[in-house]
Amino acid sequence: MPDVGFRVEMAGDVPVVVTPSDIDITNAVALRTALLEAAGRSRTFVVDMSRTQFCDTAGIHALVATHKRAGGDGGEVRLVVTSATVLRIFAITGLDQVISCFSSLDQALAAP
């Protein structure tokens, strides 16, 4: 059975949502739940998508909705994306222009 869970870990005082290899309609609700949990812990948090190789529109919708909510509260969502496929999807949809993307967790955590 594939790993479809979304863990929320802490890196110091910053929540980090760790995503599985695929984000799609089958697990977008679980993603949204994990994102809301992270947002409940801190206004700014990281979504570590370094293991993610695919993200469809259901996943993008969950990320955008959380980004809007975090921004409205004065916070920020930061994405860690390493897959060329996911980066291309985000570039095509313009998500990379809306939510800050980083190539490593260390970079996302160190961002001002």
Protein backbone atom coordinates (compact mmCIF):
# COMPACT_ATOMS: atom_id res chain seq x y z
CA MET A 1 0.00 0.00 0.00
CA PRO A 2 1.49 3.41 -0.95
CA ASP A 3 2.31 6.02 1.67
CA VAL A 4 -0.50 8.60 1.46
CA GLY A 5 -0.21 10.10 4.92
CA PHE A 6 0.69 13.65 5.79
CA ARG A 7 2.77 14.10 8.93
CA VAL A 8 3.14 17.43 10.69
CA GLU A 9 6.58 17.63 12.30
CA MET A 10 8.25 20.48 14.11
CA ALA A 11 11.57 22.01 13.00
CA GLY A 12 12.26 24.18 16.00
CA ASP A 13 9.11 26.25 16.31
CA VAL A 14 8.10 25.89 12.64
CA PRO A 15 5.54 23.24 11.64
CA VAL A 16 6.53 21.17 8.62
CA VAL A 17 3.93 19.18 6.67
CA VAL A 18 5.65 16.21 5.01
CA THR A 19 3.92 15.03 1.84
CA PRO A 20 3.99 11.60 0.14
CA SER A 21 5.07 10.81 -3.43
CA ASP A 22 1.66 11.59 -4.96
CA ILE A 23 -0.88 14.27 -4.09
CA ASP A 24 -4.17 13.89 -5.91
CA ILE A 25 -7.93 13.76 -5.44
CA THR A 26 -7.60 10.61 -3.31
CA ASN A 27 -5.63 12.34 -0.55
CA ALA A 28 -6.23 16.09 -1.00
CA VAL A 29 -8.64 16.14 1.97
CA ALA A 30 -5.92 14.62 4.18
CA LEU A 31 -3.49 17.27 2.86
CA ARG A 32 -5.93 20.05 3.71
CA THR A 33 -6.38 18.60 7.21
CA ALA A 34 -2.60 18.51 7.77
CA LEU A 35 -2.21 22.06 6.42
CA LEU A 36 -4.91 23.32 8.78
CA GLU A 37 -3.19 21.53 11.67
CA ALA A 38 0.10 23.25 10.79
CA ALA A 39 -1.64 26.63 10.43
CA GLY A 40 -3.13 26.10 13.88
CA ARG A 41 0.35 25.75 15.33
CA SER A 42 1.95 28.75 13.59
CA ARG A 43 1.02 31.43 11.07
CA THR A 44 4.07 30.52 8.97
CA PHE A 45 4.85 26.91 8.12
CA VAL A 46 6.61 24.73 5.55
CA VAL A 47 5.25 22.05 3.25
CA ASP A 48 8.09 19.61 2.54
CA MET A 49 7.26 18.22 -0.88
CA SER A 50 10.77 16.87 -1.49
CA ARG A 51 9.38 13.31 -1.77
CA THR A 52 6.46 14.39 -3.98
CA GLN A 53 6.67 13.44 -7.66
CA PHE A 54 3.11 14.38 -8.68
CA CYS A 55 0.58 16.99 -7.56
CA ASP A 56 -2.75 17.41 -9.34
CA THR A 57 -5.24 20.27 -9.20
CA ALA A 58 -6.87 18.98 -6.01
CA GLY A 59 -3.51 19.31 -4.25
CA ILE A 60 -2.87 22.71 -5.80
CA HIS A 61 -6.30 23.89 -4.64
CA ALA A 62 -5.53 22.80 -1.06
CA LEU A 63 -2.18 24.63 -1.16
CA VAL A 64 -3.70 27.83 -2.58
CA ALA A 65 -6.57 27.85 -0.07
CA THR A 66 -4.13 27.45 2.79
CA HIS A 67 -1.83 30.12 1.34
CA LYS A 68 -4.73 32.59 1.20
CA ARG A 69 -5.73 31.79 4.77
CA ALA A 70 -2.16 32.07 6.09
CA GLY A 71 -1.62 35.36 4.24
CA GLY A 72 -4.83 36.76 5.65
CA ASP A 73 -3.54 35.98 9.13
CA GLY A 74 -0.15 37.62 8.40
CA GLY A 75 1.57 34.27 7.87
CA GLU A 76 3.16 32.43 4.99
CA VAL A 77 3.27 28.97 3.43
CA ARG A 78 6.69 27.91 2.13
CA LEU A 79 7.08 24.95 -0.21
CA VAL A 80 10.09 22.67 -0.55
CA VAL A 81 9.97 21.24 -4.07
CA THR A 82 12.71 19.16 -5.70
CA SER A 83 10.87 17.23 -8.43
CA ALA A 84 11.24 18.68 -11.92
CA THR A 85 7.74 17.40 -12.71
CA VAL A 86 6.15 19.17 -9.74
CA LEU A 87 8.14 22.35 -10.46
CA ARG A 88 6.86 22.26 -14.04
CA ILE A 89 3.24 21.80 -12.87
CA PHE A 90 3.67 24.76 -10.51
CA ALA A 91 5.24 26.88 -13.28
CA ILE A 92 2.46 26.05 -15.75
CA THR A 93 -0.25 26.89 -13.20
CA GLY A 94 1.59 29.94 -11.87
CA LEU A 95 1.67 28.55 -8.34
CA ASP A 96 5.43 29.16 -8.19
CA GLN A 97 4.66 32.88 -8.54
CA VAL A 98 2.12 32.80 -5.70
CA ILE A 99 3.76 30.61 -3.04
CA SER A 100 7.48 30.73 -2.26
CA CYS A 101 9.29 27.58 -3.41
CA PHE A 102 12.64 26.43 -2.05
CA SER A 103 14.97 23.61 -3.08
CA SER A 104 15.66 22.43 0.48
CA LEU A 105 14.06 22.39 3.90
CA ASP A 106 17.03 24.32 5.33
CA GLN A 107 16.45 27.14 2.80
CA ALA A 108 12.73 27.29 3.58
CA LEU A 109 13.37 27.43 7.31
CA ALA A 110 16.08 30.09 6.95
CA ALA A 111 14.00 32.42 4.75
CA PRO A 112 13.18 35.76 6.38
